[in-house]
Amino acid sequence: MATERKTSLRNRAPRGLFRRFCGDRKGATAIEFALLALPFFVIVFASIETFVAFAGEQLLANATDTLARKIRTGEITFEDSSKPGYMTETEFRQAFCEEIAILMPCSATEAAERDKLYIDVRNITDLTQFPPAVPRIGSSSSSDLDTSGFKFAPGGAGAFTMVRAYYRWEVITDLVRPYVTDLRPAGSSMPRDFLMVATATFRNENY
């Protein structure tokens, strides 16, 4: 009888151990956290990056409006180097970089060599010729920015002037990059940057 009882206990032991394992809730919270941590942090980082990018767009728009106002009022001029507000293209780009430095710092060579910041300033003599859309290389909405027509030719007193600013905002979160980027650099198969755009059109005062 004792031998049969021991045999029965041995046969039931694995099944009892399995039931106890399945019923043990210790560590369930850690397992659930491990399963949900990745999507949770992706959502958190994506939300933060979206907020920062939105703030960057507003900063770019404010910088464009600020410098456009200085051109309109004659505080910044480009025709006469003897005037106090005279600026070259490099100096104008440097002034723009200083306006957006809090979120979008320019590189040491950005003022002289375009890398992330692109500025198009031109005098509009025919009001029907304002560019209607973002210039791109190709017809795709994610094609690279076409900068071949960009100029630095602001108008003088009383002239109609357009200031357009573009900034390549690099998306950091890898998993959301394909869904929020809209700029495919030449030679790249996947969009990498988010293109920020700000435009100001105005008529200069008769300063």
N, C-alpha and C. Protein backbone atom coordinates (compact mmCIF):
# COMPACT_ATOMS: atom_id res chain seq x y z
N MET A 1 0.83 -1.21 0.00
CA MET A 1 0.00 0.00 0.00
C MET A 1 0.86 1.26 0.00
N ALA A 2 1.90 1.26 0.83
CA ALA A 2 2.78 2.44 0.89
C ALA A 2 3.46 2.68 -0.43
N THR A 3 3.88 1.58 -1.08
CA THR A 3 4.55 1.72 -2.38
C THR A 3 3.60 2.28 -3.42
N GLU A 4 2.33 1.81 -3.42
CA GLU A 4 1.35 2.31 -4.39
C GLU A 4 1.06 3.79 -4.15
N ARG A 5 1.01 4.20 -2.82
CA ARG A 5 0.74 5.61 -2.51
C ARG A 5 1.88 6.50 -3.00
N LYS A 6 3.13 6.07 -2.81
CA LYS A 6 4.28 6.85 -3.28
C LYS A 6 4.26 6.99 -4.80
N THR A 7 3.89 5.87 -5.47
CA THR A 7 3.82 5.90 -6.94
C THR A 7 2.76 6.89 -7.41
N SER A 8 1.62 6.89 -6.73
CA SER A 8 0.53 7.81 -7.08
C SER A 8 0.94 9.25 -6.87
N LEU A 9 1.66 9.53 -5.77
CA LEU A 9 2.11 10.90 -5.51
C LEU A 9 3.10 11.38 -6.56
N ARG A 10 3.98 10.44 -6.96
CA ARG A 10 4.96 10.81 -8.00
C ARG A 10 4.26 11.12 -9.32
N ASN A 11 3.18 10.37 -9.62
CA ASN A 11 2.46 10.60 -10.88
C ASN A 11 1.71 11.91 -10.86
N ARG A 12 1.23 12.29 -9.66
CA ARG A 12 0.46 13.53 -9.57
C ARG A 12 1.33 14.77 -9.39
N ALA A 13 2.58 14.58 -8.98
CA ALA A 13 3.45 15.72 -8.69
C ALA A 13 3.67 16.64 -9.87
N PRO A 14 4.00 16.12 -11.08
CA PRO A 14 4.21 17.04 -12.20
C PRO A 14 2.98 17.84 -12.53
N ARG A 15 1.80 17.20 -12.46
CA ARG A 15 0.57 17.91 -12.78
C ARG A 15 0.27 18.99 -11.74
N GLY A 16 0.55 18.67 -10.48
CA GLY A 16 0.34 19.66 -9.42
C GLY A 16 1.31 20.82 -9.54
N LEU A 17 2.55 20.55 -9.92
CA LEU A 17 3.54 21.61 -10.12
C LEU A 17 3.15 22.53 -11.25
N PHE A 18 2.61 21.95 -12.33
CA PHE A 18 2.19 22.76 -13.48
C PHE A 18 1.03 23.67 -13.11
N ARG A 19 0.07 23.09 -12.32
CA ARG A 19 -1.07 23.91 -11.89
C ARG A 19 -0.62 25.05 -10.99
N ARG A 20 0.33 24.75 -10.09
CA ARG A 20 0.83 25.81 -9.22
C ARG A 20 1.57 26.89 -10.02
N PHE A 21 2.31 26.45 -11.05
CA PHE A 21 3.04 27.42 -11.89
C PHE A 21 2.08 28.34 -12.63
N CYS A 22 1.01 27.73 -13.17
CA CYS A 22 0.04 28.54 -13.92
C CYS A 22 -0.74 29.46 -12.99
N GLY A 23 -0.94 29.04 -11.76
CA GLY A 23 -1.70 29.85 -10.83
C GLY A 23 -0.89 30.89 -10.10
N ASP A 24 0.41 30.80 -10.19
CA ASP A 24 1.27 31.76 -9.49
C ASP A 24 1.30 33.07 -10.27
N ARG A 25 0.88 34.16 -9.62
CA ARG A 25 0.81 35.46 -10.27
C ARG A 25 2.02 36.33 -9.96
N LYS A 26 3.01 35.81 -9.28
CA LYS A 26 4.21 36.59 -8.97
C LYS A 26 4.95 36.94 -10.25
N GLY A 27 5.31 38.19 -10.39
CA GLY A 27 6.05 38.63 -11.58
C GLY A 27 5.18 38.96 -12.77
N ALA A 28 3.84 38.85 -12.62
CA ALA A 28 2.95 39.14 -13.76
C ALA A 28 3.09 40.59 -14.20
N THR A 29 3.25 41.49 -13.24
CA THR A 29 3.37 42.91 -13.59
C THR A 29 4.64 43.17 -14.40
N ALA A 30 5.73 42.51 -14.01
CA ALA A 30 6.99 42.69 -14.74
C ALA A 30 6.88 42.17 -16.16
N ILE A 31 6.19 41.04 -16.33
CA ILE A 31 6.02 40.46 -17.67
C ILE A 31 5.16 41.38 -18.52
N GLU A 32 4.06 41.87 -17.94
CA GLU A 32 3.18 42.78 -18.69
C GLU A 32 3.93 44.05 -19.09
N PHE A 33 4.74 44.58 -18.18
CA PHE A 33 5.51 45.78 -18.48
C PHE A 33 6.50 45.52 -19.61
N ALA A 34 7.15 44.35 -19.58
CA ALA A 34 8.11 44.03 -20.63
C ALA A 34 7.43 43.95 -21.99
N LEU A 35 6.18 43.45 -22.02
CA LEU A 35 5.46 43.33 -23.29
C LEU A 35 4.98 44.69 -23.80
N LEU A 36 4.62 45.58 -22.88
CA LEU A 36 4.03 46.86 -23.27
C LEU A 36 5.03 48.01 -23.29
N ALA A 37 6.23 47.78 -22.76
CA ALA A 37 7.19 48.88 -22.64
C ALA A 37 7.57 49.47 -24.00
N LEU A 38 7.87 48.61 -24.97
CA LEU A 38 8.33 49.11 -26.27
C LEU A 38 7.29 49.97 -26.96
N PRO A 39 6.03 49.49 -27.17
CA PRO A 39 5.05 50.38 -27.81
C PRO A 39 4.75 51.63 -26.98
N PHE A 40 4.80 51.49 -25.65
CA PHE A 40 4.53 52.65 -24.79
C PHE A 40 5.58 53.73 -25.00
N PHE A 41 6.86 53.34 -24.96
CA PHE A 41 7.92 54.32 -25.11
C PHE A 41 7.97 54.88 -26.53
N VAL A 42 7.61 54.08 -27.53
CA VAL A 42 7.55 54.59 -28.90
C VAL A 42 6.51 55.70 -28.99
N ILE A 43 5.34 55.48 -28.37
CA ILE A 43 4.29 56.49 -28.39
C ILE A 43 4.74 57.75 -27.64
N VAL A 44 5.41 57.56 -26.49
CA VAL A 44 5.88 58.70 -25.71
C VAL A 44 6.91 59.51 -26.49
N PHE A 45 7.91 58.83 -27.06
CA PHE A 45 8.95 59.53 -27.82
C PHE A 45 8.38 60.20 -29.06
N ALA A 46 7.43 59.51 -29.73
CA ALA A 46 6.81 60.10 -30.91
C ALA A 46 6.02 61.35 -30.55
N SER A 47 5.33 61.31 -29.42
CA SER A 47 4.56 62.48 -28.97
C SER A 47 5.48 63.65 -28.64
N ILE A 48 6.56 63.35 -27.94
CA ILE A 48 7.52 64.41 -27.59
C ILE A 48 8.15 65.00 -28.84
N GLU A 49 8.55 64.12 -29.78
CA GLU A 49 9.19 64.61 -31.00
C GLU A 49 8.22 65.43 -31.85
N THR A 50 6.95 65.01 -31.88
CA THR A 50 5.95 65.78 -32.61
C THR A 50 5.77 67.16 -32.00
N PHE A 51 5.74 67.22 -30.68
CA PHE A 51 5.61 68.51 -29.99
C PHE A 51 6.80 69.43 -30.28
N VAL A 52 8.00 68.86 -30.19
CA VAL A 52 9.21 69.67 -30.43
C VAL A 52 9.25 70.14 -31.89
N ALA A 53 8.86 69.25 -32.82
CA ALA A 53 8.85 69.62 -34.23
C ALA A 53 7.85 70.74 -34.49
N PHE A 54 6.68 70.67 -33.84
CA PHE A 54 5.69 71.73 -33.99
C PHE A 54 6.24 73.05 -33.47
N ALA A 55 6.93 72.99 -32.33
CA ALA A 55 7.55 74.20 -31.79
C ALA A 55 8.62 74.73 -32.73
N GLY A 56 9.36 73.82 -33.38
CA GLY A 56 10.37 74.23 -34.35
C GLY A 56 9.75 74.92 -35.55
N GLU A 57 8.61 74.42 -36.02
CA GLU A 57 7.92 75.08 -37.15
C GLU A 57 7.49 76.49 -36.78
N GLN A 58 6.97 76.65 -35.57
CA GLN A 58 6.56 77.99 -35.13
C GLN A 58 7.77 78.92 -35.01
N LEU A 59 8.89 78.37 -34.55
CA LEU A 59 10.11 79.17 -34.44
C LEU A 59 10.60 79.61 -35.81
N LEU A 60 10.53 78.70 -36.79
CA LEU A 60 10.94 79.03 -38.16
C LEU A 60 10.03 80.12 -38.74
N ALA A 61 8.73 80.00 -38.50
CA ALA A 61 7.78 81.00 -39.00
C ALA A 61 8.03 82.36 -38.35
N ASN A 62 8.30 82.36 -37.04
CA ASN A 62 8.57 83.63 -36.36
C ASN A 62 9.85 84.28 -36.85
N ALA A 63 10.88 83.47 -37.11
CA ALA A 63 12.13 84.02 -37.62
C ALA A 63 11.93 84.62 -39.00
N THR A 64 11.15 83.93 -39.83
CA THR A 64 10.86 84.45 -41.17
C THR A 64 10.12 85.77 -41.10
N ASP A 65 9.12 85.85 -40.23
CA ASP A 65 8.35 87.09 -40.09
C ASP A 65 9.22 88.22 -39.53
N THR A 66 10.09 87.88 -38.59
CA THR A 66 10.95 88.91 -37.97
C THR A 66 11.89 89.54 -38.99
N LEU A 67 12.58 88.68 -39.76
CA LEU A 67 13.52 89.21 -40.74
C LEU A 67 12.80 89.84 -41.93
N ALA A 68 11.63 89.32 -42.28
CA ALA A 68 10.84 89.94 -43.34
C ALA A 68 10.42 91.35 -42.94
N ARG A 69 10.05 91.52 -41.69
CA ARG A 69 9.66 92.85 -41.21
C ARG A 69 10.84 93.82 -41.27
N LYS A 70 12.03 93.34 -40.95
CA LYS A 70 13.21 94.20 -41.02
C LYS A 70 13.55 94.59 -42.45
N ILE A 71 13.30 93.68 -43.39
CA ILE A 71 13.50 94.03 -44.80
C ILE A 71 12.46 95.04 -45.23
N ARG A 72 11.21 94.80 -44.83
CA ARG A 72 10.10 95.68 -45.25
C ARG A 72 10.28 97.10 -44.75
N THR A 73 10.80 97.25 -43.54
CA THR A 73 10.94 98.59 -42.96
C THR A 73 12.27 99.25 -43.29
N GLY A 74 13.17 98.52 -43.95
CA GLY A 74 14.46 99.09 -44.31
C GLY A 74 15.50 98.96 -43.22
N GLU A 75 15.17 98.24 -42.14
CA GLU A 75 16.17 98.03 -41.09
C GLU A 75 17.31 97.15 -41.60
N ILE A 76 16.97 96.24 -42.53
CA ILE A 76 17.97 95.46 -43.24
C ILE A 76 17.91 95.86 -44.71
N THR A 77 19.03 96.25 -45.26
CA THR A 77 19.09 96.64 -46.67
C THR A 77 20.21 95.87 -47.37
N PHE A 78 20.13 95.87 -48.70
CA PHE A 78 21.08 95.08 -49.48
C PHE A 78 21.66 95.85 -50.67
N GLU A 79 21.26 97.09 -50.84
CA GLU A 79 21.67 97.81 -52.03
C GLU A 79 22.88 98.71 -51.80
N ASP A 80 22.94 99.31 -50.64
CA ASP A 80 23.99 100.29 -50.37
C ASP A 80 24.81 99.84 -49.16
N SER A 81 26.07 99.49 -49.38
CA SER A 81 26.91 98.98 -48.30
C SER A 81 27.27 100.05 -47.28
N SER A 82 26.98 101.30 -47.58
CA SER A 82 27.31 102.38 -46.65
C SER A 82 26.23 102.57 -45.58
N LYS A 83 25.06 101.94 -45.78
CA LYS A 83 23.97 102.09 -44.83
C LYS A 83 24.20 101.16 -43.62
N PRO A 84 23.73 101.56 -42.43
CA PRO A 84 23.98 100.76 -41.21
C PRO A 84 23.38 99.36 -41.28
N GLY A 85 22.24 99.21 -41.95
CA GLY A 85 21.56 97.91 -41.98
C GLY A 85 21.96 97.03 -43.14
N TYR A 86 23.02 97.37 -43.83
CA TYR A 86 23.42 96.59 -45.01
C TYR A 86 23.86 95.19 -44.59
N MET A 87 23.41 94.18 -45.35
CA MET A 87 23.79 92.79 -45.10
C MET A 87 24.08 92.08 -46.41
N THR A 88 25.07 91.22 -46.37
CA THR A 88 25.32 90.31 -47.47
C THR A 88 24.44 89.06 -47.25
N GLU A 89 24.44 88.17 -48.22
CA GLU A 89 23.65 86.94 -48.08
C GLU A 89 24.13 86.11 -46.88
N THR A 90 25.45 86.01 -46.72
CA THR A 90 26.00 85.24 -45.60
C THR A 90 25.60 85.86 -44.26
N GLU A 91 25.63 87.17 -44.17
CA GLU A 91 25.24 87.85 -42.94
C GLU A 91 23.75 87.68 -42.65
N PHE A 92 22.96 87.69 -43.71
CA PHE A 92 21.52 87.49 -43.54
C PHE A 92 21.23 86.08 -43.04
N ARG A 93 21.93 85.09 -43.60
CA ARG A 93 21.74 83.71 -43.16
C ARG A 93 22.19 83.56 -41.70
N GLN A 94 23.26 84.23 -41.33
CA GLN A 94 23.73 84.16 -39.96
C GLN A 94 22.70 84.77 -39.01
N ALA A 95 22.09 85.88 -39.42
CA ALA A 95 21.05 86.51 -38.61
C ALA A 95 19.85 85.58 -38.47
N PHE A 96 19.53 84.85 -39.52
CA PHE A 96 18.42 83.90 -39.47
C PHE A 96 18.76 82.76 -38.51
N CYS A 97 19.99 82.25 -38.59
CA CYS A 97 20.43 81.18 -37.71
C CYS A 97 20.32 81.59 -36.24
N GLU A 98 20.65 82.84 -35.95
CA GLU A 98 20.58 83.32 -34.57
C GLU A 98 19.14 83.36 -34.07
N GLU A 99 18.19 83.57 -34.97
CA GLU A 99 16.78 83.62 -34.58
C GLU A 99 16.24 82.24 -34.22
N ILE A 100 16.76 81.18 -34.83
CA ILE A 100 16.22 79.84 -34.61
C ILE A 100 17.15 78.96 -33.76
N ALA A 101 18.19 79.55 -33.21
CA ALA A 101 19.23 78.77 -32.54
C ALA A 101 18.73 78.00 -31.32
N ILE A 102 17.65 78.43 -30.69
CA ILE A 102 17.21 77.79 -29.47
C ILE A 102 16.78 76.34 -29.69
N LEU A 103 16.24 76.03 -30.87
CA LEU A 103 15.80 74.66 -31.17
C LEU A 103 16.49 74.07 -32.38
N MET A 104 16.93 74.92 -33.30
CA MET A 104 17.51 74.44 -34.55
C MET A 104 18.88 75.08 -34.77
N PRO A 105 19.86 74.67 -33.99
CA PRO A 105 21.18 75.29 -34.12
C PRO A 105 21.81 75.01 -35.47
N CYS A 106 22.37 76.05 -36.06
CA CYS A 106 23.06 75.90 -37.34
C CYS A 106 24.50 75.43 -37.09
N SER A 107 25.04 74.76 -38.07
CA SER A 107 26.44 74.34 -37.96
C SER A 107 27.35 75.56 -38.12
N ALA A 108 28.61 75.36 -37.85
CA ALA A 108 29.57 76.47 -37.92
C ALA A 108 29.69 77.03 -39.34
N THR A 109 29.38 76.21 -40.33
CA THR A 109 29.53 76.64 -41.72
C THR A 109 28.18 76.90 -42.40
N GLU A 110 27.08 76.82 -41.63
CA GLU A 110 25.74 76.93 -42.23
C GLU A 110 25.52 78.27 -42.92
N ALA A 111 26.05 79.34 -42.36
CA ALA A 111 25.83 80.66 -42.94
C ALA A 111 26.42 80.76 -44.34
N ALA A 112 27.53 80.10 -44.57
CA ALA A 112 28.19 80.17 -45.88
C ALA A 112 27.83 78.99 -46.79
N GLU A 113 27.56 77.83 -46.20
CA GLU A 113 27.27 76.63 -46.98
C GLU A 113 25.96 76.02 -46.49
N ARG A 114 24.98 75.92 -47.37
CA ARG A 114 23.67 75.41 -46.99
C ARG A 114 23.74 73.92 -46.69
N ASP A 115 23.20 73.57 -45.54
CA ASP A 115 23.16 72.16 -45.14
C ASP A 115 21.75 71.76 -44.73
N LYS A 116 21.19 72.45 -43.74
CA LYS A 116 19.83 72.18 -43.28
C LYS A 116 18.90 73.35 -43.54
N LEU A 117 19.45 74.56 -43.54
CA LEU A 117 18.64 75.77 -43.72
C LEU A 117 18.78 76.29 -45.15
N TYR A 118 17.63 76.50 -45.81
CA TYR A 118 17.61 77.03 -47.18
C TYR A 118 16.70 78.25 -47.20
N ILE A 119 17.21 79.35 -47.74
CA ILE A 119 16.46 80.60 -47.77
C ILE A 119 16.40 81.12 -49.19
N ASP A 120 15.21 81.48 -49.61
CA ASP A 120 14.99 82.03 -50.94
C ASP A 120 14.39 83.43 -50.77
N VAL A 121 15.15 84.46 -51.14
CA VAL A 121 14.70 85.86 -51.03
C VAL A 121 14.77 86.48 -52.41
N ARG A 122 13.64 86.99 -52.86
CA ARG A 122 13.64 87.55 -54.22
C ARG A 122 12.64 88.70 -54.36
N ASN A 123 12.93 89.56 -55.30
CA ASN A 123 12.06 90.66 -55.68
C ASN A 123 11.05 90.14 -56.71
N ILE A 124 9.76 90.38 -56.47
CA ILE A 124 8.71 89.92 -57.37
C ILE A 124 8.22 91.11 -58.19
N THR A 125 8.53 91.10 -59.47
CA THR A 125 8.08 92.19 -60.34
C THR A 125 6.73 91.90 -60.97
N ASP A 126 6.41 90.63 -61.15
CA ASP A 126 5.12 90.22 -61.71
C ASP A 126 4.36 89.48 -60.61
N LEU A 127 3.27 90.07 -60.12
CA LEU A 127 2.57 89.50 -58.98
C LEU A 127 1.90 88.17 -59.30
N THR A 128 1.81 87.81 -60.55
CA THR A 128 1.23 86.51 -60.92
C THR A 128 2.28 85.41 -60.86
N GLN A 129 3.52 85.76 -60.57
CA GLN A 129 4.61 84.78 -60.60
C GLN A 129 5.07 84.32 -59.22
N PHE A 130 4.24 84.55 -58.19
CA PHE A 130 4.59 84.01 -56.89
C PHE A 130 4.59 82.48 -56.95
N PRO A 131 5.65 81.83 -56.49
CA PRO A 131 5.69 80.36 -56.53
C PRO A 131 4.54 79.77 -55.72
N PRO A 132 3.74 78.88 -56.31
CA PRO A 132 2.54 78.38 -55.63
C PRO A 132 2.80 77.22 -54.67
N ALA A 133 3.92 76.52 -54.80
CA ALA A 133 4.13 75.31 -54.00
C ALA A 133 5.61 75.15 -53.66
N VAL A 134 5.88 74.16 -52.82
CA VAL A 134 7.26 73.84 -52.46
C VAL A 134 7.95 73.24 -53.68
N PRO A 135 9.08 73.80 -54.10
CA PRO A 135 9.77 73.24 -55.28
C PRO A 135 10.45 71.92 -54.93
N ARG A 136 10.14 70.89 -55.69
CA ARG A 136 10.71 69.57 -55.44
C ARG A 136 11.31 69.00 -56.72
N ILE A 137 12.28 68.11 -56.53
CA ILE A 137 12.88 67.41 -57.66
C ILE A 137 12.00 66.19 -57.95
N GLY A 138 11.14 66.30 -58.93
CA GLY A 138 10.21 65.22 -59.23
C GLY A 138 8.82 65.56 -58.76
N SER A 139 7.88 64.67 -59.06
CA SER A 139 6.48 64.92 -58.76
C SER A 139 6.02 64.31 -57.45
N SER A 140 6.84 63.47 -56.83
CA SER A 140 6.44 62.82 -55.58
C SER A 140 6.41 63.83 -54.44
N SER A 141 5.47 63.61 -53.51
CA SER A 141 5.35 64.50 -52.36
C SER A 141 6.51 64.37 -51.39
N SER A 142 7.33 63.32 -51.56
CA SER A 142 8.49 63.14 -50.68
C SER A 142 9.81 63.35 -51.43
N SER A 143 9.72 63.91 -52.65
CA SER A 143 10.93 64.17 -53.41
C SER A 143 11.79 65.22 -52.72
N ASP A 144 13.06 65.20 -53.02
CA ASP A 144 13.99 66.14 -52.38
C ASP A 144 13.68 67.57 -52.81
N LEU A 145 14.11 68.51 -51.98
CA LEU A 145 13.88 69.92 -52.24
C LEU A 145 14.73 70.38 -53.43
N ASP A 146 14.09 71.08 -54.35
CA ASP A 146 14.80 71.63 -55.51
C ASP A 146 15.23 73.06 -55.20
N THR A 147 16.52 73.24 -55.01
CA THR A 147 17.05 74.55 -54.63
C THR A 147 17.70 75.29 -55.81
N SER A 148 17.56 74.73 -57.00
CA SER A 148 18.25 75.32 -58.16
C SER A 148 17.74 76.72 -58.49
N GLY A 149 16.48 77.00 -58.17
CA GLY A 149 15.92 78.32 -58.49
C GLY A 149 15.98 79.31 -57.35
N PHE A 150 16.60 78.93 -56.23
CA PHE A 150 16.65 79.83 -55.08
C PHE A 150 17.58 81.02 -55.38
N LYS A 151 17.17 82.18 -54.89
CA LYS A 151 17.93 83.41 -55.14
C LYS A 151 18.11 84.18 -53.85
N PHE A 152 18.99 85.14 -53.92
CA PHE A 152 19.10 86.15 -52.86
C PHE A 152 19.13 87.49 -53.57
N ALA A 153 17.92 87.96 -53.93
CA ALA A 153 17.79 89.20 -54.69
C ALA A 153 16.61 90.00 -54.16
N PRO A 154 16.70 90.48 -52.92
CA PRO A 154 15.59 91.25 -52.33
C PRO A 154 15.40 92.58 -53.03
N GLY A 155 14.18 93.06 -53.01
CA GLY A 155 13.90 94.34 -53.65
C GLY A 155 14.20 95.51 -52.75
N GLY A 156 14.22 96.69 -53.35
CA GLY A 156 14.49 97.91 -52.60
C GLY A 156 13.21 98.54 -52.08
N ALA A 157 13.25 99.82 -51.84
CA ALA A 157 12.09 100.55 -51.30
C ALA A 157 10.91 100.44 -52.25
N GLY A 158 9.74 100.08 -51.72
CA GLY A 158 8.52 99.99 -52.50
C GLY A 158 8.39 98.72 -53.32
N ALA A 159 9.34 97.84 -53.29
CA ALA A 159 9.31 96.63 -54.10
C ALA A 159 8.56 95.50 -53.39
N PHE A 160 7.95 94.63 -54.17
CA PHE A 160 7.33 93.43 -53.63
C PHE A 160 8.43 92.39 -53.41
N THR A 161 8.43 91.80 -52.25
CA THR A 161 9.50 90.87 -51.88
C THR A 161 8.91 89.60 -51.28
N MET A 162 9.56 88.50 -51.52
CA MET A 162 9.16 87.22 -50.96
C MET A 162 10.34 86.61 -50.22
N VAL A 163 10.07 86.12 -49.01
CA VAL A 163 11.08 85.42 -48.22
C VAL A 163 10.54 84.02 -47.91
N ARG A 164 11.24 83.01 -48.36
CA ARG A 164 10.86 81.63 -48.06
C ARG A 164 12.01 80.94 -47.32
N ALA A 165 11.68 80.24 -46.27
CA ALA A 165 12.69 79.53 -45.48
C ALA A 165 12.30 78.05 -45.38
N TYR A 166 13.29 77.20 -45.57
CA TYR A 166 13.10 75.75 -45.47
C TYR A 166 14.15 75.19 -44.51
N TYR A 167 13.70 74.24 -43.70
CA TYR A 167 14.64 73.62 -42.76
C TYR A 167 14.42 72.11 -42.76
N ARG A 168 15.53 71.37 -42.87
CA ARG A 168 15.48 69.90 -42.81
C ARG A 168 15.52 69.49 -41.34
N TRP A 169 14.39 69.03 -40.83
CA TRP A 169 14.31 68.60 -39.44
C TRP A 169 14.51 67.09 -39.39
N GLU A 170 15.57 66.67 -38.72
CA GLU A 170 15.86 65.24 -38.66
C GLU A 170 14.99 64.55 -37.61
N VAL A 171 14.28 63.50 -38.02
CA VAL A 171 13.43 62.74 -37.12
C VAL A 171 14.29 61.69 -36.42
N ILE A 172 14.24 61.67 -35.09
CA ILE A 172 15.11 60.81 -34.30
C ILE A 172 14.52 59.43 -34.08
N THR A 173 13.23 59.35 -33.80
CA THR A 173 12.59 58.07 -33.47
C THR A 173 12.51 57.19 -34.71
N ASP A 174 13.27 56.10 -34.72
CA ASP A 174 13.38 55.25 -35.91
C ASP A 174 12.05 54.66 -36.35
N LEU A 175 11.26 54.15 -35.40
CA LEU A 175 10.05 53.43 -35.77
C LEU A 175 8.98 54.32 -36.35
N VAL A 176 9.02 55.62 -36.05
CA VAL A 176 7.99 56.52 -36.58
C VAL A 176 8.51 57.35 -37.76
N ARG A 177 9.80 57.25 -38.03
CA ARG A 177 10.39 58.05 -39.10
C ARG A 177 9.70 57.85 -40.45
N PRO A 178 9.39 56.61 -40.87
CA PRO A 178 8.77 56.44 -42.19
C PRO A 178 7.39 57.07 -42.30
N TYR A 179 6.74 57.35 -41.17
CA TYR A 179 5.37 57.85 -41.20
C TYR A 179 5.26 59.36 -41.08
N VAL A 180 6.30 60.02 -40.64
CA VAL A 180 6.22 61.47 -40.43
C VAL A 180 7.18 62.25 -41.33
N THR A 181 8.14 61.59 -41.93
CA THR A 181 9.09 62.31 -42.79
C THR A 181 8.49 62.52 -44.19
N ASP A 182 8.92 63.58 -44.84
CA ASP A 182 8.39 63.88 -46.17
C ASP A 182 9.47 64.40 -47.12
N LEU A 183 10.71 64.03 -46.85
CA LEU A 183 11.81 64.53 -47.67
C LEU A 183 12.80 63.41 -47.91
N ARG A 184 12.92 62.99 -49.17
CA ARG A 184 13.84 61.91 -49.52
C ARG A 184 15.07 62.51 -50.19
N PRO A 185 16.21 62.51 -49.53
CA PRO A 185 17.43 63.04 -50.15
C PRO A 185 17.80 62.24 -51.39
N ALA A 186 18.54 62.85 -52.29
CA ALA A 186 18.96 62.17 -53.51
C ALA A 186 19.78 60.94 -53.16
N GLY A 187 19.44 59.80 -53.78
CA GLY A 187 20.15 58.56 -53.54
C GLY A 187 19.63 57.76 -52.37
N SER A 188 18.63 58.27 -51.66
CA SER A 188 18.05 57.56 -50.52
C SER A 188 16.74 56.92 -50.92
N SER A 189 16.50 55.70 -50.44
CA SER A 189 15.28 54.98 -50.77
C SER A 189 14.15 55.25 -49.79
N MET A 190 14.45 55.93 -48.68
CA MET A 190 13.44 56.17 -47.65
C MET A 190 13.55 57.60 -47.14
N PRO A 191 12.41 58.29 -46.95
CA PRO A 191 12.46 59.64 -46.38
C PRO A 191 13.16 59.64 -45.03
N ARG A 192 13.94 60.68 -44.78
CA ARG A 192 14.70 60.76 -43.54
C ARG A 192 14.37 62.01 -42.74
N ASP A 193 14.06 63.11 -43.44
CA ASP A 193 13.86 64.39 -42.76
C ASP A 193 12.43 64.89 -42.97
N PHE A 194 12.02 65.74 -42.03
CA PHE A 194 10.74 66.43 -42.15
C PHE A 194 11.02 67.86 -42.60
N LEU A 195 10.41 68.27 -43.70
CA LEU A 195 10.68 69.58 -44.28
C LEU A 195 9.76 70.63 -43.66
N MET A 196 10.37 71.59 -42.98
CA MET A 196 9.63 72.72 -42.42
C MET A 196 9.67 73.87 -43.41
N VAL A 197 8.55 74.56 -43.55
CA VAL A 197 8.43 75.63 -44.55
C VAL A 197 7.78 76.85 -43.91
N ALA A 198 8.34 78.02 -44.21
CA ALA A 198 7.74 79.29 -43.77
C ALA A 198 7.89 80.31 -44.89
N THR A 199 6.84 81.08 -45.13
CA THR A 199 6.85 82.05 -46.23
C THR A 199 6.29 83.39 -45.78
N ALA A 200 6.88 84.46 -46.27
CA ALA A 200 6.37 85.82 -46.02
C ALA A 200 6.45 86.61 -47.33
N THR A 201 5.34 87.22 -47.73
CA THR A 201 5.31 88.07 -48.92
C THR A 201 4.80 89.45 -48.51
N PHE A 202 5.42 90.49 -49.03
CA PHE A 202 5.09 91.83 -48.58
C PHE A 202 5.61 92.86 -49.59
N ARG A 203 5.20 94.09 -49.36
CA ARG A 203 5.72 95.22 -50.15
C ARG A 203 6.54 96.10 -49.23
N ASN A 204 7.78 96.37 -49.64
CA ASN A 204 8.66 97.18 -48.81
C ASN A 204 8.11 98.60 -48.66
N GLU A 205 8.36 99.18 -47.52
CA GLU A 205 7.98 100.57 -47.29
C GLU A 205 8.93 101.48 -48.08
N ASN A 206 8.49 102.70 -48.31
CA ASN A 206 9.31 103.68 -49.02
C ASN A 206 10.27 104.34 -48.03
N TYR A 207 11.22 103.54 -47.57
CA TYR A 207 12.15 104.05 -46.58
C TYR A 207 13.23 104.91 -47.25
